[in-house]
């Protein structure tokens, strides 16, 4: 594999984990809770009173998103789409 091809391969979502993205957990005065988000992946998506718990939730959410993104690229229907089809 050429160096350019390797760089493109390494930047695909299937080679990334949540810890390679900016994970933001910050206090919201309005909500009186910590709010987790990952710019470029997902906006505010989890909250709680414990910063560490919110960070763990956020890591799981981003990892799930990356797994679904990888599945979509390989032609597999993401798990969230299957869940929506069964509840419709």
N, C-alpha and C. Protein backbone atom coordinates (compact mmCIF):
# COMPACT_ATOMS: atom_id res chain seq x y z
N UNK A 1 0.84 -1.17 0.00
CA UNK A 1 0.00 0.00 0.00
C UNK A 1 0.89 1.24 0.00
N UNK A 2 0.56 2.21 -0.87
CA UNK A 2 1.36 3.43 -0.91
C UNK A 2 1.13 4.25 0.36
N UNK A 3 2.02 5.20 0.59
CA UNK A 3 1.89 6.03 1.79
C UNK A 3 0.58 6.81 1.78
N UNK A 4 0.20 7.39 0.61
CA UNK A 4 -1.05 8.14 0.52
C UNK A 4 -2.25 7.23 0.76
N UNK A 5 -2.23 6.04 0.18
CA UNK A 5 -3.33 5.10 0.39
C UNK A 5 -3.40 4.69 1.86
N UNK A 6 -2.26 4.50 2.49
CA UNK A 6 -2.24 4.14 3.91
C UNK A 6 -2.81 5.27 4.76
N UNK A 7 -2.47 6.53 4.42
CA UNK A 7 -2.99 7.67 5.18
C UNK A 7 -4.50 7.75 5.04
N UNK A 8 -5.03 7.52 3.83
CA UNK A 8 -6.48 7.55 3.63
C UNK A 8 -7.13 6.41 4.40
N UNK A 9 -6.52 5.23 4.37
CA UNK A 9 -7.04 4.07 5.09
C UNK A 9 -7.06 4.33 6.59
N UNK A 10 -6.01 4.92 7.11
CA UNK A 10 -5.91 5.18 8.55
C UNK A 10 -6.91 6.23 9.02
N UNK A 11 -7.39 7.10 8.13
CA UNK A 11 -8.31 8.15 8.55
C UNK A 11 -9.77 7.73 8.45
N UNK A 12 -10.05 6.53 7.97
CA UNK A 12 -11.43 6.09 7.88
C UNK A 12 -11.98 5.79 9.26
N UNK A 13 -13.31 5.96 9.46
CA UNK A 13 -13.90 5.76 10.78
C UNK A 13 -13.61 4.39 11.38
N UNK A 14 -13.46 3.36 10.56
CA UNK A 14 -13.26 2.02 11.13
C UNK A 14 -11.93 1.87 11.85
N UNK A 15 -11.02 2.80 11.63
CA UNK A 15 -9.74 2.74 12.31
C UNK A 15 -9.65 3.72 13.47
N UNK A 16 -10.76 4.32 13.83
CA UNK A 16 -10.78 5.33 14.88
C UNK A 16 -11.59 4.83 16.07
N UNK A 17 -11.27 5.38 17.22
CA UNK A 17 -12.08 5.16 18.41
C UNK A 17 -12.50 6.53 18.93
N UNK A 18 -13.45 6.54 19.83
CA UNK A 18 -13.95 7.80 20.38
C UNK A 18 -12.83 8.66 20.96
N UNK A 19 -11.81 8.01 21.50
CA UNK A 19 -10.74 8.76 22.16
C UNK A 19 -9.87 9.54 21.17
N UNK A 20 -10.08 9.33 19.87
CA UNK A 20 -9.34 10.07 18.85
C UNK A 20 -10.10 11.30 18.36
N UNK A 21 -11.24 11.57 18.97
CA UNK A 21 -12.07 12.72 18.62
C UNK A 21 -12.17 13.65 19.82
N UNK A 22 -12.50 14.93 19.58
CA UNK A 22 -12.64 15.85 20.72
C UNK A 22 -13.90 15.54 21.51
N UNK A 23 -13.73 15.07 22.72
CA UNK A 23 -14.84 14.75 23.61
C UNK A 23 -14.98 15.89 24.60
N UNK A 24 -16.14 16.50 24.63
CA UNK A 24 -16.35 17.66 25.49
C UNK A 24 -17.42 17.35 26.53
N UNK A 25 -17.05 17.52 27.78
CA UNK A 25 -18.00 17.40 28.89
C UNK A 25 -17.91 18.70 29.67
N UNK A 26 -19.00 19.45 29.68
CA UNK A 26 -18.97 20.73 30.39
C UNK A 26 -20.25 20.93 31.18
N UNK A 27 -20.13 21.73 32.21
CA UNK A 27 -21.25 22.01 33.10
C UNK A 27 -22.21 22.99 32.42
N UNK A 28 -23.50 22.71 32.51
CA UNK A 28 -24.53 23.61 32.01
C UNK A 28 -25.29 24.18 33.19
N UNK A 29 -25.18 25.49 33.38
CA UNK A 29 -25.93 26.14 34.45
C UNK A 29 -27.43 25.98 34.22
N UNK A 30 -27.83 26.11 32.95
CA UNK A 30 -29.25 26.02 32.61
C UNK A 30 -29.83 24.65 32.98
N UNK A 31 -29.10 23.59 32.67
CA UNK A 31 -29.58 22.23 32.93
C UNK A 31 -29.17 21.71 34.30
N UNK A 32 -28.23 22.41 34.94
CA UNK A 32 -27.68 21.96 36.23
C UNK A 32 -27.16 20.53 36.12
N UNK A 33 -26.42 20.30 35.04
CA UNK A 33 -25.85 18.97 34.78
C UNK A 33 -24.65 19.12 33.85
N UNK A 34 -23.80 18.09 33.83
CA UNK A 34 -22.74 18.01 32.85
C UNK A 34 -23.36 17.53 31.54
N UNK A 35 -22.93 18.12 30.43
CA UNK A 35 -23.44 17.78 29.11
C UNK A 35 -22.27 17.29 28.27
N UNK A 36 -22.46 16.16 27.56
CA UNK A 36 -21.41 15.61 26.71
C UNK A 36 -21.71 15.81 25.24
N UNK A 37 -20.67 16.13 24.47
CA UNK A 37 -20.80 16.25 23.01
C UNK A 37 -19.47 15.93 22.36
N UNK A 38 -19.52 15.70 21.05
CA UNK A 38 -18.32 15.41 20.27
C UNK A 38 -18.44 16.15 18.94
N UNK A 39 -17.90 17.38 18.86
CA UNK A 39 -18.03 18.18 17.64
C UNK A 39 -17.61 17.40 16.39
N UNK A 40 -18.41 17.55 15.36
CA UNK A 40 -18.15 16.85 14.11
C UNK A 40 -18.76 15.47 14.06
N UNK A 41 -19.15 14.93 15.21
CA UNK A 41 -19.78 13.61 15.27
C UNK A 41 -21.21 13.77 15.77
N UNK A 42 -21.37 14.36 16.96
CA UNK A 42 -22.69 14.49 17.56
C UNK A 42 -22.71 15.68 18.52
N UNK A 43 -23.83 16.36 18.54
CA UNK A 43 -23.99 17.49 19.45
C UNK A 43 -24.27 16.99 20.86
N UNK A 44 -24.85 17.83 21.71
CA UNK A 44 -25.15 17.41 23.07
C UNK A 44 -26.00 16.14 23.06
N UNK A 45 -25.49 15.09 23.71
CA UNK A 45 -26.15 13.79 23.57
C UNK A 45 -26.30 13.03 24.88
N UNK A 46 -25.68 13.50 25.94
CA UNK A 46 -25.80 12.80 27.22
C UNK A 46 -25.59 13.81 28.34
N UNK A 47 -26.11 13.49 29.50
CA UNK A 47 -25.99 14.43 30.61
C UNK A 47 -26.03 13.67 31.93
N UNK A 48 -25.60 14.33 32.98
CA UNK A 48 -25.64 13.74 34.30
C UNK A 48 -24.93 14.61 35.32
N UNK A 49 -24.99 14.18 36.56
CA UNK A 49 -24.39 14.94 37.66
C UNK A 49 -22.91 14.62 37.87
N UNK A 50 -22.45 13.51 37.32
CA UNK A 50 -21.07 13.07 37.51
C UNK A 50 -20.32 13.19 36.19
N UNK A 51 -19.26 14.01 36.17
CA UNK A 51 -18.49 14.25 34.94
C UNK A 51 -17.95 12.94 34.35
N UNK A 52 -17.42 12.06 35.19
CA UNK A 52 -16.86 10.80 34.71
C UNK A 52 -17.91 9.91 34.07
N UNK A 53 -19.10 9.87 34.67
CA UNK A 53 -20.19 9.06 34.11
C UNK A 53 -20.61 9.59 32.74
N UNK A 54 -20.71 10.92 32.62
CA UNK A 54 -21.07 11.52 31.34
C UNK A 54 -20.00 11.23 30.29
N UNK A 55 -18.74 11.30 30.68
CA UNK A 55 -17.66 10.98 29.74
C UNK A 55 -17.75 9.53 29.28
N UNK A 56 -18.02 8.61 30.19
CA UNK A 56 -18.16 7.19 29.80
C UNK A 56 -19.35 7.01 28.85
N UNK A 57 -20.46 7.70 29.12
CA UNK A 57 -21.61 7.64 28.22
C UNK A 57 -21.23 8.16 26.84
N UNK A 58 -20.53 9.28 26.81
CA UNK A 58 -20.13 9.91 25.56
C UNK A 58 -19.22 9.01 24.75
N UNK A 59 -18.25 8.39 25.38
CA UNK A 59 -17.35 7.46 24.69
C UNK A 59 -18.15 6.33 24.07
N UNK A 60 -19.11 5.77 24.80
CA UNK A 60 -19.93 4.67 24.28
C UNK A 60 -20.76 5.14 23.08
N UNK A 61 -21.36 6.32 23.19
CA UNK A 61 -22.18 6.85 22.09
C UNK A 61 -21.34 7.06 20.84
N UNK A 62 -20.17 7.66 20.98
CA UNK A 62 -19.31 7.92 19.82
C UNK A 62 -18.79 6.61 19.24
N UNK A 63 -18.40 5.66 20.08
CA UNK A 63 -17.96 4.36 19.56
C UNK A 63 -19.09 3.65 18.82
N UNK A 64 -20.31 3.74 19.33
CA UNK A 64 -21.46 3.15 18.63
C UNK A 64 -21.67 3.83 17.29
N UNK A 65 -21.54 5.15 17.25
CA UNK A 65 -21.70 5.88 16.00
C UNK A 65 -20.64 5.45 14.99
N UNK A 66 -19.41 5.34 15.44
CA UNK A 66 -18.32 4.91 14.55
C UNK A 66 -18.55 3.50 14.03
N UNK A 67 -19.05 2.61 14.88
CA UNK A 67 -19.34 1.23 14.46
C UNK A 67 -20.45 1.23 13.42
N UNK A 68 -21.49 2.05 13.62
CA UNK A 68 -22.56 2.14 12.64
C UNK A 68 -22.06 2.73 11.33
N UNK A 69 -21.18 3.72 11.41
CA UNK A 69 -20.60 4.32 10.22
C UNK A 69 -19.79 3.28 9.43
N UNK A 70 -19.02 2.48 10.14
CA UNK A 70 -18.25 1.42 9.49
C UNK A 70 -19.17 0.40 8.85
N UNK A 71 -20.23 0.03 9.55
CA UNK A 71 -21.18 -0.95 9.01
C UNK A 71 -21.85 -0.41 7.76
N UNK A 72 -22.22 0.86 7.76
CA UNK A 72 -22.86 1.48 6.60
C UNK A 72 -21.92 1.46 5.40
N UNK A 73 -20.65 1.79 5.63
CA UNK A 73 -19.67 1.78 4.54
C UNK A 73 -19.48 0.39 3.96
N UNK A 74 -19.65 -0.64 4.77
CA UNK A 74 -19.46 -2.00 4.28
C UNK A 74 -20.77 -2.60 3.76
N UNK A 75 -21.85 -1.80 3.74
CA UNK A 75 -23.12 -2.26 3.20
C UNK A 75 -24.03 -2.93 4.22
N UNK A 76 -23.66 -2.92 5.48
CA UNK A 76 -24.49 -3.52 6.52
C UNK A 76 -25.41 -2.43 7.08
N UNK A 77 -26.68 -2.76 7.32
CA UNK A 77 -27.61 -1.79 7.88
C UNK A 77 -27.24 -1.50 9.33
N UNK A 78 -27.09 -0.21 9.70
CA UNK A 78 -26.74 0.12 11.08
C UNK A 78 -27.81 -0.34 12.06
N UNK A 79 -27.41 -0.62 13.29
CA UNK A 79 -28.33 -1.13 14.30
C UNK A 79 -29.48 -0.18 14.56
N UNK A 80 -29.23 1.13 14.54
CA UNK A 80 -30.32 2.07 14.83
C UNK A 80 -31.40 2.02 13.75
N UNK A 81 -31.03 1.74 12.50
CA UNK A 81 -32.01 1.65 11.42
C UNK A 81 -32.88 0.41 11.59
N UNK A 82 -32.29 -0.67 12.02
CA UNK A 82 -33.04 -1.91 12.25
C UNK A 82 -34.05 -1.68 13.37
N UNK A 83 -33.63 -1.01 14.44
CA UNK A 83 -34.53 -0.74 15.56
C UNK A 83 -35.70 0.12 15.11
N UNK A 84 -35.46 1.11 14.26
CA UNK A 84 -36.54 1.98 13.78
C UNK A 84 -37.51 1.20 12.90
N UNK A 85 -37.00 0.29 12.07
CA UNK A 85 -37.86 -0.50 11.20
C UNK A 85 -38.79 -1.39 12.01
N UNK A 86 -38.29 -1.96 13.10
CA UNK A 86 -39.11 -2.88 13.88
C UNK A 86 -40.15 -2.17 14.72
N UNK A 87 -39.94 -0.88 15.02
CA UNK A 87 -40.91 -0.15 15.83
C UNK A 87 -41.91 0.61 14.97
N UNK A 88 -41.69 0.67 13.67
CA UNK A 88 -42.59 1.41 12.78
C UNK A 88 -43.84 0.63 12.46
